[in-house]
Amino acid sequence: VTNAGGSQTFTAGQYAYVQDASTLPRLLPGDPGL
């Protein structure tokens, strides 16, 4: 996942979140509830 904030790789079983176009994508500790 890439945007102006940087790039991060996420693998099987992981959840990730991107707040906006300038914030670095980040790993979530678990299912966010979706």
PDB file of all heavy atoms in Angstrom:
ATOM      1  N   VAL A   1       0.855  -1.188   0.000  1.00  0.00           N
ATOM      2  CA  VAL A   1       0.000   0.000   0.000  1.00  0.00           C
ATOM      3  C   VAL A   1       0.890   1.237   0.000  1.00  0.00           C
ATOM      4  O   VAL A   1       1.746   1.391   0.882  1.00  0.00           O
ATOM      5  CB  VAL A   1      -0.937   0.006   1.220  1.00  0.00           C
ATOM      6  CG1 VAL A   1      -1.886   1.201   1.150  1.00  0.00           C
ATOM      7  CG2 VAL A   1      -1.731  -1.301   1.295  1.00  0.00           C
ATOM      8  N   THR A   2       0.669   2.108  -0.979  1.00  0.00           N
ATOM      9  CA  THR A   2       1.545   3.263  -1.173  1.00  0.00           C
ATOM     10  C   THR A   2       0.743   4.548  -1.308  1.00  0.00           C
ATOM     11  O   THR A   2      -0.288   4.569  -1.985  1.00  0.00           O
ATOM     12  CB  THR A   2       2.405   3.076  -2.441  1.00  0.00           C
ATOM     13  OG1 THR A   2       3.143   1.852  -2.343  1.00  0.00           O
ATOM     14  CG2 THR A   2       3.363   4.237  -2.627  1.00  0.00           C
ATOM     15  N   ASN A   3       1.230   5.601  -0.659  1.00  0.00           N
ATOM     16  CA  ASN A   3       0.681   6.947  -0.859  1.00  0.00           C
ATOM     17  C   ASN A   3       1.787   7.963  -0.583  1.00  0.00           C
ATOM     18  O   ASN A   3       2.968   7.599  -0.478  1.00  0.00           O
ATOM     19  CB  ASN A   3      -0.566   7.178  -0.007  1.00  0.00           C
ATOM     20  CG  ASN A   3      -0.270   7.186   1.483  1.00  0.00           C
ATOM     21  OD1 ASN A   3       0.881   7.065   1.913  1.00  0.00           O
ATOM     22  ND2 ASN A   3      -1.313   7.314   2.283  1.00  0.00           N
ATOM     23  N   ALA A   4       1.415   9.246  -0.447  1.00  0.00           N
ATOM     24  CA  ALA A   4       2.418  10.277  -0.234  1.00  0.00           C
ATOM     25  C   ALA A   4       3.150  10.118   1.099  1.00  0.00           C
ATOM     26  O   ALA A   4       4.259  10.628   1.275  1.00  0.00           O
ATOM     27  CB  ALA A   4       1.763  11.662  -0.303  1.00  0.00           C
ATOM     28  N   GLY A   5       2.547   9.395   2.032  1.00  0.00           N
ATOM     29  CA  GLY A   5       3.172   9.183   3.332  1.00  0.00           C
ATOM     30  C   GLY A   5       4.208   8.083   3.347  1.00  0.00           C
ATOM     31  O   GLY A   5       5.005   7.975   4.282  1.00  0.00           O
ATOM     32  N   GLY A   6       4.218   7.243   2.328  1.00  0.00           N
ATOM     33  CA  GLY A   6       5.177   6.148   2.252  1.00  0.00           C
ATOM     34  C   GLY A   6       4.542   4.864   1.753  1.00  0.00           C
ATOM     35  O   GLY A   6       3.421   4.868   1.226  1.00  0.00           O
ATOM     36  N   SER A   7       5.245   3.766   1.937  1.00  0.00           N
ATOM     37  CA  SER A   7       4.786   2.467   1.442  1.00  0.00           C
ATOM     38  C   SER A   7       4.959   1.409   2.519  1.00  0.00           C
ATOM     39  O   SER A   7       5.980   1.388   3.224  1.00  0.00           O
ATOM     40  CB  SER A   7       5.579   2.079   0.194  1.00  0.00           C
ATOM     41  OG  SER A   7       5.149   0.836  -0.314  1.00  0.00           O
ATOM     42  N   GLN A   8       3.955   0.532   2.648  1.00  0.00           N
ATOM     43  CA  GLN A   8       4.008  -0.544   3.629  1.00  0.00           C
ATOM     44  C   GLN A   8       3.476  -1.820   2.993  1.00  0.00           C
ATOM     45  O   GLN A   8       2.547  -1.783   2.169  1.00  0.00           O
ATOM     46  CB  GLN A   8       3.153  -0.222   4.874  1.00  0.00           C
ATOM     47  CG  GLN A   8       3.649   0.968   5.685  1.00  0.00           C
ATOM     48  CD  GLN A   8       4.776   0.602   6.626  1.00  0.00           C
ATOM     49  OE1 GLN A   8       5.441  -0.410   6.447  1.00  0.00           O
ATOM     50  NE2 GLN A   8       5.006   1.424   7.635  1.00  0.00           N
ATOM     51  N   THR A   9       4.065  -2.949   3.379  1.00  0.00           N
ATOM     52  CA  THR A   9       3.619  -4.254   2.894  1.00  0.00           C
ATOM     53  C   THR A   9       2.885  -4.983   4.012  1.00  0.00           C
ATOM     54  O   THR A   9       3.341  -5.000   5.157  1.00  0.00           O
ATOM     55  CB  THR A   9       4.813  -5.093   2.409  1.00  0.00           C
ATOM     56  OG1 THR A   9       5.442  -4.416   1.322  1.00  0.00           O
ATOM     57  CG2 THR A   9       4.356  -6.470   1.945  1.00  0.00           C
ATOM     58  N   PHE A  10       1.752  -5.591   3.642  1.00  0.00           N
ATOM     59  CA  PHE A  10       0.937  -6.335   4.607  1.00  0.00           C
ATOM     60  C   PHE A  10       0.718  -7.742   4.059  1.00  0.00           C
ATOM     61  O   PHE A  10       0.524  -7.929   2.857  1.00  0.00           O
ATOM     62  CB  PHE A  10      -0.391  -5.628   4.839  1.00  0.00           C
ATOM     63  CG  PHE A  10      -0.226  -4.193   5.282  1.00  0.00           C
ATOM     64  CD1 PHE A  10      -0.289  -3.154   4.347  1.00  0.00           C
ATOM     65  CD2 PHE A  10       0.027  -3.884   6.602  1.00  0.00           C
ATOM     66  CE1 PHE A  10      -0.123  -1.838   4.736  1.00  0.00           C
ATOM     67  CE2 PHE A  10       0.197  -2.564   7.008  1.00  0.00           C
ATOM     68  CZ  PHE A  10       0.123  -1.538   6.071  1.00  0.00           C
ATOM     69  N   THR A  11       0.751  -8.718   4.952  1.00  0.00           N
ATOM     70  CA  THR A  11       0.682 -10.125   4.543  1.00  0.00           C
ATOM     71  C   THR A  11      -0.577 -10.805   5.068  1.00  0.00           C
ATOM     72  O   THR A  11      -1.373 -10.201   5.795  1.00  0.00           O
ATOM     73  CB  THR A  11       1.936 -10.870   5.019  1.00  0.00           C
ATOM     74  OG1 THR A  11       2.034 -10.761   6.449  1.00  0.00           O
ATOM     75  CG2 THR A  11       3.194 -10.291   4.401  1.00  0.00           C
ATOM     76  N   ALA A  12      -0.734 -12.077   4.695  1.00  0.00           N
ATOM     77  CA  ALA A  12      -1.945 -12.846   5.012  1.00  0.00           C
ATOM     78  C   ALA A  12      -2.300 -12.768   6.489  1.00  0.00           C
ATOM     79  O   ALA A  12      -1.444 -12.937   7.364  1.00  0.00           O
ATOM     80  CB  ALA A  12      -1.758 -14.292   4.582  1.00  0.00           C
ATOM     81  N   GLY A  13      -3.583 -12.498   6.745  1.00  0.00           N
ATOM     82  CA  GLY A  13      -4.086 -12.422   8.103  1.00  0.00           C
ATOM     83  C   GLY A  13      -3.989 -11.046   8.733  1.00  0.00           C
ATOM     84  O   GLY A  13      -4.481 -10.838   9.847  1.00  0.00           O
ATOM     85  N   GLN A  14      -3.385 -10.085   8.035  1.00  0.00           N
ATOM     86  CA  GLN A  14      -3.212  -8.757   8.604  1.00  0.00           C
ATOM     87  C   GLN A  14      -4.283  -7.777   8.111  1.00  0.00           C
ATOM     88  O   GLN A  14      -4.808  -7.905   7.010  1.00  0.00           O
ATOM     89  CB  GLN A  14      -1.817  -8.204   8.265  1.00  0.00           C
ATOM     90  CG  GLN A  14      -0.696  -8.975   8.938  1.00  0.00           C
ATOM     91  CD  GLN A  14       0.668  -8.357   8.684  1.00  0.00           C
ATOM     92  OE1 GLN A  14       0.920  -7.756   7.644  1.00  0.00           O
ATOM     93  NE2 GLN A  14       1.564  -8.502   9.657  1.00  0.00           N
ATOM     94  N   TYR A  15      -4.558  -6.792   8.972  1.00  0.00           N
ATOM     95  CA  TYR A  15      -5.495  -5.719   8.662  1.00  0.00           C
ATOM     96  C   TYR A  15      -4.716  -4.406   8.618  1.00  0.00           C
ATOM     97  O   TYR A  15      -3.799  -4.195   9.423  1.00  0.00           O
ATOM     98  CB  TYR A  15      -6.594  -5.626   9.716  1.00  0.00           C
ATOM     99  CG  TYR A  15      -7.443  -6.869   9.841  1.00  0.00           C
ATOM    100  CD1 TYR A  15      -7.032  -7.931  10.648  1.00  0.00           C
ATOM    101  CD2 TYR A  15      -8.650  -6.982   9.162  1.00  0.00           C
ATOM    102  CE1 TYR A  15      -7.800  -9.080  10.769  1.00  0.00           C
ATOM    103  CE2 TYR A  15      -9.436  -8.130   9.280  1.00  0.00           C
ATOM    104  CZ  TYR A  15      -8.998  -9.170  10.079  1.00  0.00           C
ATOM    105  OH  TYR A  15      -9.758 -10.310  10.190  1.00  0.00           O
ATOM    106  N   ALA A  16      -5.077  -3.528   7.703  1.00  0.00           N
ATOM    107  CA  ALA A  16      -4.361  -2.265   7.548  1.00  0.00           C
ATOM    108  C   ALA A  16      -5.350  -1.121   7.401  1.00  0.00           C
ATOM    109  O   ALA A  16      -6.522  -1.323   7.068  1.00  0.00           O
ATOM    110  CB  ALA A  16      -3.440  -2.326   6.336  1.00  0.00           C
ATOM    111  N   TYR A  17      -4.835   0.075   7.641  1.00  0.00           N
ATOM    112  CA  TYR A  17      -5.690   1.269   7.600  1.00  0.00           C
ATOM    113  C   TYR A  17      -4.907   2.442   7.045  1.00  0.00           C
ATOM    114  O   TYR A  17      -3.736   2.646   7.373  1.00  0.00           O
ATOM    115  CB  TYR A  17      -6.181   1.601   9.017  1.00  0.00           C
ATOM    116  CG  TYR A  17      -6.879   2.936   9.149  1.00  0.00           C
ATOM    117  CD1 TYR A  17      -8.086   3.176   8.509  1.00  0.00           C
ATOM    118  CD2 TYR A  17      -6.321   3.948   9.934  1.00  0.00           C
ATOM    119  CE1 TYR A  17      -8.740   4.395   8.641  1.00  0.00           C
ATOM    120  CE2 TYR A  17      -6.966   5.175  10.079  1.00  0.00           C
ATOM    121  CZ  TYR A  17      -8.166   5.388   9.431  1.00  0.00           C
ATOM    122  OH  TYR A  17      -8.812   6.597   9.561  1.00  0.00           O
ATOM    123  N   VAL A  18      -5.557   3.218   6.164  1.00  0.00           N
ATOM    124  CA  VAL A  18      -4.976   4.452   5.637  1.00  0.00           C
ATOM    125  C   VAL A  18      -5.957   5.579   5.933  1.00  0.00           C
ATOM    126  O   VAL A  18      -7.082   5.575   5.431  1.00  0.00           O
ATOM    127  CB  VAL A  18      -4.713   4.362   4.126  1.00  0.00           C
ATOM    128  CG1 VAL A  18      -4.059   5.651   3.634  1.00  0.00           C
ATOM    129  CG2 VAL A  18      -3.830   3.171   3.788  1.00  0.00           C
ATOM    130  N   GLN A  19      -5.503   6.531   6.725  1.00  0.00           N
ATOM    131  CA  GLN A  19      -6.386   7.623   7.142  1.00  0.00           C
ATOM    132  C   GLN A  19      -6.655   8.608   6.014  1.00  0.00           C
ATOM    133  O   GLN A  19      -7.792   9.012   5.766  1.00  0.00           O
ATOM    134  CB  GLN A  19      -5.782   8.362   8.334  1.00  0.00           C
ATOM    135  CG  GLN A  19      -6.626   9.526   8.841  1.00  0.00           C
ATOM    136  CD  GLN A  19      -6.006  10.201  10.043  1.00  0.00           C
ATOM    137  OE1 GLN A  19      -5.152   9.630  10.718  1.00  0.00           O
ATOM    138  NE2 GLN A  19      -6.432  11.421  10.320  1.00  0.00           N
ATOM    139  N   ASP A  20      -5.579   9.017   5.315  1.00  0.00           N
ATOM    140  CA  ASP A  20      -5.721   9.968   4.208  1.00  0.00           C
ATOM    141  C   ASP A  20      -4.524   9.819   3.275  1.00  0.00           C
ATOM    142  O   ASP A  20      -3.631   8.992   3.515  1.00  0.00           O
ATOM    143  CB  ASP A  20      -5.847  11.403   4.721  1.00  0.00           C
ATOM    144  CG  ASP A  20      -4.716  11.804   5.668  1.00  0.00           C
ATOM    145  OD1 ASP A  20      -3.540  11.583   5.312  1.00  0.00           O
ATOM    146  OD2 ASP A  20      -5.006  12.309   6.762  1.00  0.00           O
ATOM    147  N   ALA A  21      -4.499  10.639   2.237  1.00  0.00           N
ATOM    148  CA  ALA A  21      -3.497  10.471   1.185  1.00  0.00           C
ATOM    149  C   ALA A  21      -2.079  10.799   1.637  1.00  0.00           C
ATOM    150  O   ALA A  21      -1.117  10.404   0.978  1.00  0.00           O
ATOM    151  CB  ALA A  21      -3.867  11.346  -0.015  1.00  0.00           C
ATOM    152  N   SER A  22      -1.903  11.500   2.757  1.00  0.00           N
ATOM    153  CA  SER A  22      -0.565  11.893   3.205  1.00  0.00           C
ATOM    154  C   SER A  22      -0.108  11.154   4.465  1.00  0.00           C
ATOM    155  O   SER A  22       0.993  11.397   4.948  1.00  0.00           O
ATOM    156  CB  SER A  22      -0.523  13.402   3.458  1.00  0.00           C
ATOM    157  OG  SER A  22      -1.471  13.786   4.438  1.00  0.00           O
ATOM    158  N   THR A  23      -0.944  10.264   4.977  1.00  0.00           N
ATOM    159  CA  THR A  23      -0.608   9.526   6.198  1.00  0.00           C
ATOM    160  C   THR A  23      -0.127   8.124   5.853  1.00  0.00           C
ATOM    161  O   THR A  23      -0.755   7.421   5.064  1.00  0.00           O
ATOM    162  CB  THR A  23      -1.828   9.425   7.133  1.00  0.00           C
ATOM    163  OG1 THR A  23      -2.290  10.741   7.455  1.00  0.00           O
ATOM    164  CG2 THR A  23      -1.470   8.701   8.420  1.00  0.00           C
ATOM    165  N   LEU A  24       0.988   7.713   6.452  1.00  0.00           N
ATOM    166  CA  LEU A  24       1.570   6.399   6.181  1.00  0.00           C
ATOM    167  C   LEU A  24       0.570   5.281   6.493  1.00  0.00           C
ATOM    168  O   LEU A  24      -0.043   5.272   7.560  1.00  0.00           O
ATOM    169  CB  LEU A  24       2.823   6.201   7.044  1.00  0.00           C
ATOM    170  CG  LEU A  24       3.580   4.878   6.865  1.00  0.00           C
ATOM    171  CD1 LEU A  24       4.241   4.824   5.497  1.00  0.00           C
ATOM    172  CD2 LEU A  24       4.613   4.711   7.975  1.00  0.00           C
ATOM    173  N   PRO A  25       0.377   4.336   5.570  1.00  0.00           N
ATOM    174  CA  PRO A  25      -0.476   3.174   5.858  1.00  0.00           C
ATOM    175  C   PRO A  25       0.049   2.448   7.096  1.00  0.00           C
ATOM    176  O   PRO A  25       1.261   2.314   7.276  1.00  0.00           O
ATOM    177  CB  PRO A  25      -0.329   2.308   4.596  1.00  0.00           C
ATOM    178  CG  PRO A  25       0.075   3.271   3.521  1.00  0.00           C
ATOM    179  CD  PRO A  25       0.929   4.302   4.201  1.00  0.00           C
ATOM    180  N   ARG A  26      -0.865   1.969   7.950  1.00  0.00           N
ATOM    181  CA  ARG A  26      -0.395   1.331   9.183  1.00  0.00           C
ATOM    182  C   ARG A  26      -1.113   0.019   9.454  1.00  0.00           C
ATOM    183  O   ARG A  26      -2.265  -0.190   9.043  1.00  0.00           O
ATOM    184  CB  ARG A  26      -0.555   2.275  10.371  1.00  0.00           C
ATOM    185  CG  ARG A  26      -1.986   2.647  10.744  1.00  0.00           C
ATOM    186  CD  ARG A  26      -1.981   3.653  11.883  1.00  0.00           C
ATOM    187  NE  ARG A  26      -3.308   4.109  12.250  1.00  0.00           N
ATOM    188  CZ  ARG A  26      -4.082   3.508  13.162  1.00  0.00           C
ATOM    189  NH1 ARG A  26      -3.640   2.413  13.773  1.00  0.00           N
ATOM    190  NH2 ARG A  26      -5.274   3.999  13.445  1.00  0.00           N
ATOM    191  N   LEU A  27      -0.404  -0.836  10.150  1.00  0.00           N
ATOM    192  CA  LEU A  27      -0.930  -2.140  10.542  1.00  0.00           C
ATOM    193  C   LEU A  27      -1.859  -1.981  11.726  1.00  0.00           C
ATOM    194  O   LEU A  27      -1.542  -1.272  12.698  1.00  0.00           O
ATOM    195  CB  LEU A  27       0.234  -3.067  10.905  1.00  0.00           C
ATOM    196  CG  LEU A  27      -0.125  -4.465  11.414  1.00  0.00           C
ATOM    197  CD1 LEU A  27      -0.752  -5.292  10.289  1.00  0.00           C
ATOM    198  CD2 LEU A  27       1.132  -5.160  11.958  1.00  0.00           C
ATOM    199  N   LEU A  28      -3.017  -2.647  11.676  1.00  0.00           N
ATOM    200  CA  LEU A  28      -3.950  -2.651  12.797  1.00  0.00           C
ATOM    201  C   LEU A  28      -3.692  -3.885  13.667  1.00  0.00           C
ATOM    202  O   LEU A  28      -3.259  -4.925  13.160  1.00  0.00           O
ATOM    203  CB  LEU A  28      -5.389  -2.654  12.289  1.00  0.00           C
ATOM    204  CG  LEU A  28      -5.827  -1.415  11.493  1.00  0.00           C
ATOM    205  CD1 LEU A  28      -7.253  -1.603  10.974  1.00  0.00           C
ATOM    206  CD2 LEU A  28      -5.725  -0.152  12.336  1.00  0.00           C
ATOM    207  N   PRO A  29      -3.969  -3.803  14.952  1.00  0.00           N
ATOM    208  CA  PRO A  29      -3.713  -4.949  15.826  1.00  0.00           C
ATOM    209  C   PRO A  29      -4.637  -6.138  15.581  1.00  0.00           C
ATOM    210  O   PRO A  29      -4.352  -7.258  16.014  1.00  0.00           O
ATOM    211  CB  PRO A  29      -3.919  -4.367  17.226  1.00  0.00           C
ATOM    212  CG  PRO A  29      -4.823  -3.184  17.022  1.00  0.00           C
ATOM    213  CD  PRO A  29      -4.436  -2.629  15.695  1.00  0.00           C
ATOM    214  N   GLY A  30      -5.746  -5.914  14.891  1.00  0.00           N
ATOM    215  CA  GLY A  30      -6.695  -6.990  14.616  1.00  0.00           C
ATOM    216  C   GLY A  30      -7.835  -6.485  13.764  1.00  0.00           C
ATOM    217  O   GLY A  30      -7.781  -5.384  13.204  1.00  0.00           O
ATOM    218  N   ASP A  31      -8.873  -7.283  13.665  1.00  0.00           N
ATOM    219  CA  ASP A  31     -10.051  -6.926  12.884  1.00  0.00           C
ATOM    220  C   ASP A  31     -10.633  -5.615  13.414  1.00  0.00           C
ATOM    221  O   ASP A  31     -10.970  -5.511  14.588  1.00  0.00           O
ATOM    222  CB  ASP A  31     -11.084  -8.057  12.996  1.00  0.00           C
ATOM    223  CG  ASP A  31     -12.271  -7.850  12.075  1.00  0.00           C
ATOM    224  OD1 ASP A  31     -12.494  -6.717  11.607  1.00  0.00           O
ATOM    225  OD2 ASP A  31     -12.991  -8.836  11.827  1.00  0.00           O
ATOM    226  N   PRO A  32     -10.782  -4.603  12.576  1.00  0.00           N
ATOM    227  CA  PRO A  32     -11.308  -3.319  13.052  1.00  0.00           C
ATOM    228  C   PRO A  32     -12.793  -3.350  13.382  1.00  0.00           C
ATOM    229  O   PRO A  32     -13.329  -2.396  13.953  1.00  0.00           O
ATOM    230  CB  PRO A  32     -11.031  -2.375  11.879  1.00  0.00           C
ATOM    231  CG  PRO A  32     -11.027  -3.269  10.681  1.00  0.00           C
ATOM    232  CD  PRO A  32     -10.415  -4.565  11.150  1.00  0.00           C
ATOM    233  N   GLY A  33     -13.463  -4.440  13.008  1.00  0.00           N
ATOM    234  CA  GLY A  33     -14.888  -4.548  13.299  1.00  0.00           C
ATOM    235  C   GLY A  33     -15.764  -4.500  12.068  1.00  0.00           C
ATOM    236  O   GLY A  33     -16.994  -4.449  12.171  1.00  0.00           O
ATOM    237  N   LEU A  34     -15.155  -4.558  10.887  1.00  0.00           N
ATOM    238  CA  LEU A  34     -15.914  -4.621   9.644  1.00  0.00           C
ATOM    239  C   LEU A  34     -16.283  -6.068   9.346  1.00  0.00           C
ATOM    240  O   LEU A  34     -15.540  -6.991   9.684  1.00  0.00           O
ATOM    241  CB  LEU A  34     -15.094  -4.055   8.488  1.00  0.00           C
ATOM    242  CG  LEU A  34     -14.826  -2.556   8.517  1.00  0.00           C
ATOM    243  CD1 LEU A  34     -13.785  -2.185   7.479  1.00  0.00           C
ATOM    244  CD2 LEU A  34     -16.114  -1.779   8.268  1.00  0.00           C
TER     245      LEU A  34
END
